[in-house]
C-alpha cells in the first residue's frame, strides 16, 4: 500500500512527529515489525501446501477481506457451488439455472442467444410493475381497451395468436391485464399494456431493453413485448437472472403462481404453466413458437437441510410439433428441477 504523501507528518511546532520518539524505541519497533512480517510470510507459505511435499493446495480465505477484494459472500457462494453434484441437463436446446446460495449454474448453450417466445412477457410484466407498482394483492389503476385493439382481434385469432377476448371500451385493471398477459399468455394484452405504459410497442421495447441492461442481461435484445418476433432473443442464463429479479416483485411472484384468474370479457383464464404445485414449483412463464421451440422459465422452492432454497431454471428450444413443443418444454423443465434437486443432495425435498 503506497503512502498518501512522501513527506512525514509534522506537529504544530513544525517538527516531524516520528522524531519525537526516542531513537531506541523507533529501532525496537522497526525490528518487531520485520519479525511480524517474516512470521506472516512463513504462515502464507505453509497455507499453500498440503501434507504432500511440493503439492499446492487451495488457499483458505479469511472471514473478512478489505473493501474491494474477494468478498466473504462470494467465497461462500464459490464453496457452495463446489458441493453441487452433477446435473443431468436436457439433451436438447439450451439450459441454465440459478440456485440460491450457489449462484448461476451453466448448462448446454447457457450463454447462446436464442428466441424466447412468450417468456418475453415476463419482462413486459416486470417493466409495467416498475412503472406502476402494485402490492402483492393490489388491483392498480384501470385502463381502457381502444376500438382499434378490439377490431384487430378476429385477424389475430385467424393468425393463431395467443389471445384473450376483448371489447372496445372495456375497462380492465392493471392486475387483471397482467393476469391475462401471464397466465394464458395473451399477445393482445401485451400490446395493450405497451400502449398504456409507453404509447406504443417500439417505445415499450426500448424500456424492456433498458431494464435488461440494469439487470446485467447483456446478451438480451427485446424487439416486441409479446415475444412473437424471432428477433426477440436472450440466453438461458440471462432469463434465469430475470426470474430471480421477478420473484423479488411481490405482485409478479404472486401472479405467476396463480393457476387461474378472472378477467373482464374473457372470464376465467388458466395458467399455461401446468407444473404449478408440483415438486415445489411456484412460477414463472412458458412460451412456444416455431422459431423458438418450446420454452420454459420455471421457479421452485426446495427444502435443503432445513433451509428453503430457490431454484430458477431456464430451458429453451425444446423440439416437437406445434401441438407438442410446449408439453415437451414443461416435461423437460420439470425433469430439470428434479435433476437439480438430486444434485443438491439427499436433504433436498419440495
Protein backbone atom coordinates (compact mmCIF):
# COMPACT_ATOMS: atom_id res chain seq x y z
CA UNK A 1 0.00 0.00 0.00
CA UNK A 2 1.53 3.31 -1.09
CA UNK A 3 1.63 6.25 1.37
CA UNK A 4 -0.52 9.23 0.54
CA UNK A 5 2.41 11.64 0.85
CA UNK A 6 6.17 11.42 0.53
CA UNK A 7 6.57 13.81 3.49
CA UNK A 8 6.39 12.52 7.08
CA UNK A 9 3.74 14.16 9.30
CA UNK A 10 4.73 17.25 11.31
CA UNK A 11 3.41 18.65 14.57
CA UNK A 12 2.18 22.20 15.26
CA UNK A 13 5.74 23.35 16.01
CA UNK A 14 6.97 22.10 12.64
CA UNK A 15 8.97 19.14 13.97
CA UNK A 16 8.43 15.64 12.48
CA UNK A 17 6.10 13.69 14.75
CA UNK A 18 8.13 10.50 14.31
CA UNK A 19 11.22 12.41 15.54
CA UNK A 20 9.53 12.85 18.92
CA UNK A 21 10.06 9.18 19.87
CA UNK A 22 13.43 8.16 21.35
CA UNK A 23 15.71 6.58 18.72
CA UNK A 24 15.91 3.32 20.71
CA UNK A 25 12.11 2.96 20.69
CA UNK A 26 11.97 3.52 16.95
CA UNK A 27 14.66 0.91 16.34
CA UNK A 28 12.89 -1.64 18.55
CA UNK A 29 9.55 -1.06 16.81
CA UNK A 30 11.14 -1.48 13.39
CA UNK A 31 12.71 -4.78 14.44
CA UNK A 32 9.39 -6.08 15.78
CA UNK A 33 7.64 -5.10 12.53
CA UNK A 34 10.21 -7.06 10.50
CA UNK A 35 9.73 -10.14 12.67
CA UNK A 36 5.94 -9.90 12.29
CA UNK A 37 6.25 -9.64 8.51
CA UNK A 38 8.52 -12.71 8.39
CA UNK A 39 6.04 -14.67 10.52
CA UNK A 40 3.16 -13.77 8.19
CA UNK A 41 5.23 -14.77 5.16
CA UNK A 42 6.01 -18.11 6.76
CA UNK A 43 2.34 -18.67 7.52
CA UNK A 44 1.41 -17.92 3.90
CA UNK A 45 3.97 -20.44 2.60
CA UNK A 46 2.54 -23.10 4.93
CA UNK A 47 -1.02 -22.24 3.88
CA UNK A 48 -0.44 -23.03 0.21
CA UNK A 49 0.92 -26.53 0.86
CA UNK A 50 -0.91 -29.62 1.99
CA UNK A 51 0.57 -32.66 3.68
CA UNK A 52 2.10 -33.92 0.42
CA UNK A 53 5.52 -32.26 -0.14
CA UNK A 54 5.61 -29.94 -3.11
CA UNK A 55 1.87 -30.23 -3.86
CA UNK A 56 -0.05 -26.88 -3.78
CA UNK A 57 -3.45 -26.69 -2.11
CA UNK A 58 -6.19 -24.08 -2.21
CA UNK A 59 -5.73 -21.01 -0.06
CA UNK A 60 -8.08 -20.71 2.92
CA UNK A 61 -9.92 -17.42 2.58
CA UNK A 62 -10.15 -15.26 5.71
CA UNK A 63 -13.57 -14.45 7.11
CA UNK A 64 -13.23 -10.78 6.22
CA UNK A 65 -11.38 -9.02 3.45
CA UNK A 66 -10.65 -5.33 2.92
CA UNK A 67 -13.08 -3.43 0.73
CA UNK A 68 -12.58 -4.05 -2.98
CA UNK A 69 -11.20 -7.59 -2.62
CA UNK A 70 -12.80 -11.03 -2.77
CA UNK A 71 -15.87 -10.81 -0.52
CA UNK A 72 -16.84 -13.36 2.11
CA UNK A 73 -20.23 -13.72 0.40
CA UNK A 74 -18.54 -14.60 -2.88
CA UNK A 75 -16.33 -17.07 -1.04
CA UNK A 76 -19.38 -18.78 0.45
CA UNK A 77 -21.10 -18.98 -2.94
CA UNK A 78 -17.97 -20.48 -4.51
CA UNK A 79 -17.65 -23.05 -1.74
CA UNK A 80 -21.34 -23.98 -2.03
CA UNK A 81 -21.06 -24.25 -5.80
CA UNK A 82 -18.28 -26.82 -5.44
CA UNK A 83 -20.59 -29.03 -3.35
CA UNK A 84 -23.31 -29.20 -6.01
CA UNK A 85 -23.50 -32.67 -7.52
CA UNK A 86 -23.55 -33.47 -11.22
CA UNK A 87 -26.64 -32.14 -13.02
CA UNK A 88 -28.45 -34.15 -15.70
CA UNK A 89 -29.11 -31.33 -18.19
CA UNK A 90 -31.69 -31.52 -21.01
CA UNK A 91 -30.36 -33.25 -24.10
CA UNK A 92 -31.92 -30.65 -26.43
CA UNK A 93 -31.92 -26.87 -26.55
CA UNK A 94 -30.17 -24.53 -24.10
CA UNK A 95 -30.37 -24.52 -20.31
CA UNK A 96 -29.15 -22.74 -17.18
CA UNK A 97 -30.21 -22.48 -13.56
CA UNK A 98 -29.83 -20.14 -10.61
CA UNK A 99 -29.64 -21.87 -7.23
CA UNK A 100 -29.91 -19.85 -4.03
CA UNK A 101 -26.62 -19.83 -2.13
CA UNK A 102 -24.74 -21.18 -5.14
CA UNK A 103 -25.43 -18.70 -7.91
CA UNK A 104 -25.70 -19.44 -11.64
CA UNK A 105 -25.07 -22.95 -12.95
CA UNK A 106 -24.48 -23.19 -16.68
CA UNK A 107 -25.95 -25.98 -18.76
CA UNK A 108 -25.50 -26.65 -22.50
CA UNK A 109 -25.61 -23.43 -24.54
CA UNK A 110 -26.41 -21.36 -21.46
CA UNK A 111 -24.96 -18.17 -22.95
CA UNK A 112 -26.10 -18.68 -26.56
CA UNK A 113 -28.67 -16.21 -27.89
CA UNK A 114 -31.94 -17.86 -28.93
CA UNK A 115 -35.55 -16.73 -29.50
CA UNK A 116 -37.55 -16.97 -26.25
CA UNK A 117 -41.15 -16.69 -27.46
CA UNK A 118 -43.69 -15.70 -24.76
CA UNK A 119 -41.13 -15.91 -21.96
CA UNK A 120 -40.50 -12.32 -23.10
CA UNK A 121 -43.80 -11.40 -21.44
CA UNK A 122 -42.17 -11.77 -18.04
CA UNK A 123 -40.03 -8.72 -18.84
CA UNK A 124 -43.16 -6.94 -20.11
CA UNK A 125 -44.78 -7.51 -16.73
CA UNK A 126 -41.57 -6.58 -14.89
CA UNK A 127 -41.36 -3.21 -16.68
CA UNK A 128 -45.06 -2.49 -16.09
CA UNK A 129 -44.63 -3.12 -12.38
CA UNK A 130 -41.52 -0.95 -12.22
CA UNK A 131 -43.50 1.90 -13.77
CA UNK A 132 -46.79 1.17 -11.95
CA UNK A 133 -46.00 -0.73 -8.71
CA UNK A 134 -48.62 -2.95 -7.07
CA UNK A 135 -48.78 -4.70 -3.74
CA UNK A 136 -48.95 -8.49 -3.79
CA UNK A 137 -52.76 -8.34 -3.91
CA UNK A 138 -53.29 -4.85 -5.35
CA UNK A 139 -55.51 -4.10 -8.34
CA UNK A 140 -53.94 -0.89 -9.62
CA UNK A 141 -55.45 1.68 -12.00
CA UNK A 142 -57.91 0.96 -14.79
CA UNK A 143 -57.03 1.01 -18.47
CA UNK A 144 -59.41 1.05 -21.42
CA UNK A 145 -59.23 -1.18 -24.48
CA UNK A 146 -59.28 1.01 -27.58
CA UNK A 147 -61.61 0.25 -30.52
CA UNK A 148 -58.64 -0.39 -32.83
CA UNK A 149 -57.30 -3.01 -30.40
CA UNK A 150 -60.64 -4.78 -30.24
CA UNK A 151 -61.08 -4.60 -34.03
CA UNK A 152 -57.82 -6.49 -34.58
CA UNK A 153 -58.94 -9.48 -32.52
CA UNK A 154 -60.51 -11.51 -35.39
CA UNK A 155 -57.45 -11.24 -37.64
CA UNK A 156 -55.14 -12.02 -34.74
CA UNK A 157 -57.18 -15.10 -33.88
CA UNK A 158 -57.08 -16.22 -37.52
CA UNK A 159 -53.28 -15.90 -37.42
CA UNK A 160 -53.16 -18.28 -34.47
CA UNK A 161 -52.00 -15.73 -31.89
CA UNK A 162 -52.45 -16.47 -28.20
CA UNK A 163 -55.25 -14.09 -27.13
CA UNK A 164 -57.92 -13.20 -24.60
CA UNK A 165 -61.27 -11.86 -25.79
CA UNK A 166 -61.55 -8.09 -25.55
CA UNK A 167 -64.22 -5.50 -26.33
CA UNK A 168 -63.91 -1.87 -27.40
CA UNK A 169 -64.21 0.45 -24.43
CA UNK A 170 -63.89 -2.26 -21.77
CA UNK A 171 -62.02 -1.29 -18.63
CA UNK A 172 -59.54 -3.66 -17.09
CA UNK A 173 -57.38 -3.15 -14.02
CA UNK A 174 -53.61 -3.34 -14.17
CA UNK A 175 -53.65 -6.59 -12.23
CA UNK A 176 -56.27 -8.18 -14.50
CA UNK A 177 -54.24 -7.15 -17.54
CA UNK A 178 -51.12 -8.73 -16.05
CA UNK A 179 -53.07 -11.91 -15.25
CA UNK A 180 -54.27 -12.07 -18.86
CA UNK A 181 -50.71 -11.46 -20.04
CA UNK A 182 -49.00 -14.06 -17.86
CA UNK A 183 -51.49 -16.90 -17.31
CA UNK A 184 -52.98 -17.63 -20.76
CA UNK A 185 -50.08 -15.67 -22.32
CA UNK A 186 -52.25 -13.21 -24.23
CA UNK A 187 -50.34 -11.44 -27.00
CA UNK A 188 -53.03 -8.80 -27.41
CA UNK A 189 -52.76 -7.87 -23.73
CA UNK A 190 -49.00 -7.34 -24.18
CA UNK A 191 -49.83 -4.81 -26.92
CA UNK A 192 -52.49 -3.10 -24.78
CA UNK A 193 -50.07 -2.79 -21.85
CA UNK A 194 -47.28 -1.46 -24.08
CA UNK A 195 -49.58 1.25 -25.46
CA UNK A 196 -50.87 2.10 -21.98
CA UNK A 197 -47.39 2.40 -20.47
CA UNK A 198 -45.22 3.84 -23.23
CA UNK A 199 -47.54 4.89 -26.05
CA UNK A 200 -46.57 2.05 -28.38
CA UNK A 201 -44.64 -1.15 -28.87
CA UNK A 202 -41.36 0.35 -30.08
CA UNK A 203 -41.09 2.74 -27.14
CA UNK A 204 -42.00 -0.04 -24.74
CA UNK A 205 -39.41 -2.42 -26.22
CA UNK A 206 -36.80 0.26 -25.54
CA UNK A 207 -37.88 0.26 -21.90
CA UNK A 208 -37.61 -3.53 -21.82
CA UNK A 209 -34.04 -3.34 -23.11
CA UNK A 210 -33.13 -0.66 -20.59
CA UNK A 211 -34.46 -2.89 -17.81
CA UNK A 212 -32.46 -5.82 -19.18
CA UNK A 213 -29.25 -3.77 -19.09
CA UNK A 214 -29.97 -2.72 -15.49
CA UNK A 215 -30.24 -6.40 -14.50
CA UNK A 216 -26.97 -7.34 -16.21
CA UNK A 217 -28.72 -9.21 -19.06
CA UNK A 218 -26.04 -8.28 -21.58
CA UNK A 219 -26.95 -10.89 -24.23
CA UNK A 220 -30.66 -10.00 -24.41
CA UNK A 221 -32.49 -7.96 -27.06
CA UNK A 222 -36.25 -7.31 -26.96
CA UNK A 223 -37.93 -6.15 -30.17
CA UNK A 224 -41.56 -6.69 -29.15
CA UNK A 225 -43.49 -7.04 -25.87
CA UNK A 226 -45.15 -10.36 -26.74
CA UNK A 227 -42.15 -12.41 -27.88
CA UNK A 228 -43.71 -13.30 -31.25
CA UNK A 229 -40.85 -11.69 -33.15
CA UNK A 230 -37.96 -14.20 -33.52
CA UNK A 231 -35.57 -11.25 -33.24
CA UNK A 232 -36.51 -11.02 -29.54
CA UNK A 233 -33.61 -13.10 -28.24
CA UNK A 234 -31.93 -13.88 -24.95
CA UNK A 235 -29.94 -16.61 -23.22
CA UNK A 236 -30.92 -19.19 -20.64
CA UNK A 237 -28.56 -17.56 -18.14
CA UNK A 238 -29.98 -14.06 -18.73
CA UNK A 239 -33.56 -15.27 -18.31
CA UNK A 240 -32.68 -17.08 -15.09
CA UNK A 241 -31.36 -13.73 -13.81
CA UNK A 242 -34.64 -12.10 -14.77
CA UNK A 243 -36.57 -14.84 -12.99
CA UNK A 244 -34.74 -14.10 -9.75
CA UNK A 245 -35.46 -10.36 -10.12
CA UNK A 246 -39.12 -11.03 -10.94
CA UNK A 247 -39.62 -13.07 -7.79
CA UNK A 248 -38.49 -10.06 -5.76
CA UNK A 249 -41.54 -8.15 -7.06
CA UNK A 250 -44.41 -9.30 -4.80
CA UNK A 251 -47.21 -8.82 -7.33
CA UNK A 252 -45.27 -10.54 -10.10
CA UNK A 253 -44.37 -13.51 -7.92
CA UNK A 254 -47.99 -13.81 -6.80
CA UNK A 255 -49.48 -13.64 -10.31
CA UNK A 256 -47.11 -16.19 -11.87
CA UNK A 257 -48.03 -18.59 -9.05
CA UNK A 258 -51.77 -18.42 -9.85
CA UNK A 259 -53.39 -21.35 -11.64
CA UNK A 260 -56.47 -19.34 -12.70
CA UNK A 261 -57.84 -15.80 -12.71
CA UNK A 262 -60.98 -13.97 -13.83
CA UNK A 263 -60.68 -11.06 -16.27
CA UNK A 264 -63.35 -8.92 -17.99
CA UNK A 265 -64.94 -10.23 -21.20
CA UNK A 266 -62.70 -13.34 -21.33
CA UNK A 267 -63.86 -14.63 -17.94
CA UNK A 268 -61.84 -17.44 -16.34
CA UNK A 269 -58.31 -17.80 -17.72
CA UNK A 270 -55.89 -20.62 -16.91
CA UNK A 271 -52.14 -20.68 -16.49
CA UNK A 272 -50.26 -22.44 -19.28
CA UNK A 273 -47.70 -23.46 -16.64
CA UNK A 274 -49.39 -26.70 -15.59
CA UNK A 275 -46.44 -27.61 -13.34
CA UNK A 276 -47.58 -25.25 -10.57
CA UNK A 277 -47.88 -27.03 -7.23
CA UNK A 278 -45.74 -29.99 -8.28
CA UNK A 279 -42.23 -30.59 -6.94
CA UNK A 280 -42.18 -27.22 -5.18
CA UNK A 281 -42.79 -25.30 -8.45
CA UNK A 282 -44.14 -21.75 -7.91
CA UNK A 283 -43.81 -19.99 -11.34
CA UNK A 284 -42.83 -18.42 -13.80
CA UNK A 285 -43.53 -18.39 -17.60
CA UNK A 286 -43.96 -20.61 -20.64
CA UNK A 287 -43.51 -19.88 -24.33
CA UNK A 288 -43.57 -21.58 -27.71
CA UNK A 289 -43.23 -20.59 -31.36
CA UNK A 290 -41.93 -22.39 -34.40
CA UNK A 291 -38.74 -20.30 -34.28
CA UNK A 292 -38.16 -20.68 -30.54
CA UNK A 293 -39.43 -24.21 -29.95
CA UNK A 294 -40.77 -24.99 -26.51
CA UNK A 295 -39.54 -22.62 -23.79
CA UNK A 296 -39.88 -22.56 -20.01
CA UNK A 297 -38.59 -20.40 -17.21
CA UNK A 298 -39.54 -22.19 -14.00
CA UNK A 299 -39.14 -21.35 -10.32
CA UNK A 300 -39.20 -23.86 -7.48
CA UNK A 301 -38.51 -23.78 -3.77
CA UNK A 302 -36.84 -26.76 -2.14
CA UNK A 303 -36.01 -27.58 1.46
CA UNK A 304 -32.31 -28.45 1.67
CA UNK A 305 -31.14 -29.50 5.13
CA UNK A 306 -33.92 -27.49 6.74
CA UNK A 307 -33.41 -24.34 4.65
CA UNK A 308 -35.59 -23.03 1.81
CA UNK A 309 -33.58 -22.94 -1.41
CA UNK A 310 -34.73 -21.12 -4.55
CA UNK A 311 -34.23 -22.68 -7.97
CA UNK A 312 -34.87 -20.71 -11.16
CA UNK A 313 -34.25 -22.85 -14.24
CA UNK A 314 -34.46 -21.89 -17.90
CA UNK A 315 -34.73 -24.34 -20.79
CA UNK A 316 -35.42 -23.13 -24.34
CA UNK A 317 -35.51 -24.62 -27.81
CA UNK A 318 -37.26 -27.88 -26.98
CA UNK A 319 -38.27 -29.70 -30.16
CA UNK A 320 -41.65 -31.05 -31.29
CA UNK A 321 -44.66 -30.27 -33.41
CA UNK A 322 -46.92 -27.26 -32.93
CA UNK A 323 -49.01 -29.32 -30.54
CA UNK A 324 -46.16 -30.91 -28.57
CA UNK A 325 -43.41 -28.34 -28.15
CA UNK A 326 -45.00 -26.73 -25.08
CA UNK A 327 -45.77 -30.06 -23.32
CA UNK A 328 -42.21 -31.14 -24.16
CA UNK A 329 -40.81 -27.95 -22.63
CA UNK A 330 -42.91 -28.42 -19.49
CA UNK A 331 -41.74 -32.01 -19.07
CA UNK A 332 -38.14 -31.02 -19.72
CA UNK A 333 -38.38 -28.19 -17.18
CA UNK A 334 -39.84 -30.50 -14.56
CA UNK A 335 -37.09 -33.05 -15.21
CA UNK A 336 -34.50 -30.30 -14.82
CA UNK A 337 -35.93 -29.19 -11.46
CA UNK A 338 -35.82 -32.81 -10.27
CA UNK A 339 -32.26 -33.20 -11.55
CA UNK A 340 -31.21 -30.07 -9.65
CA UNK A 341 -32.89 -31.48 -6.53
CA UNK A 342 -30.77 -34.60 -6.88
CA UNK A 343 -27.64 -32.52 -7.36
CA UNK A 344 -28.40 -30.58 -4.17
CA UNK A 345 -28.10 -33.80 -2.22
CA UNK A 346 -30.23 -36.23 -0.23
CA UNK A 347 -31.53 -33.46 2.02
CA UNK A 348 -33.41 -31.76 -0.83
CA UNK A 349 -37.19 -32.02 -0.94
CA UNK A 350 -40.10 -29.83 -2.15
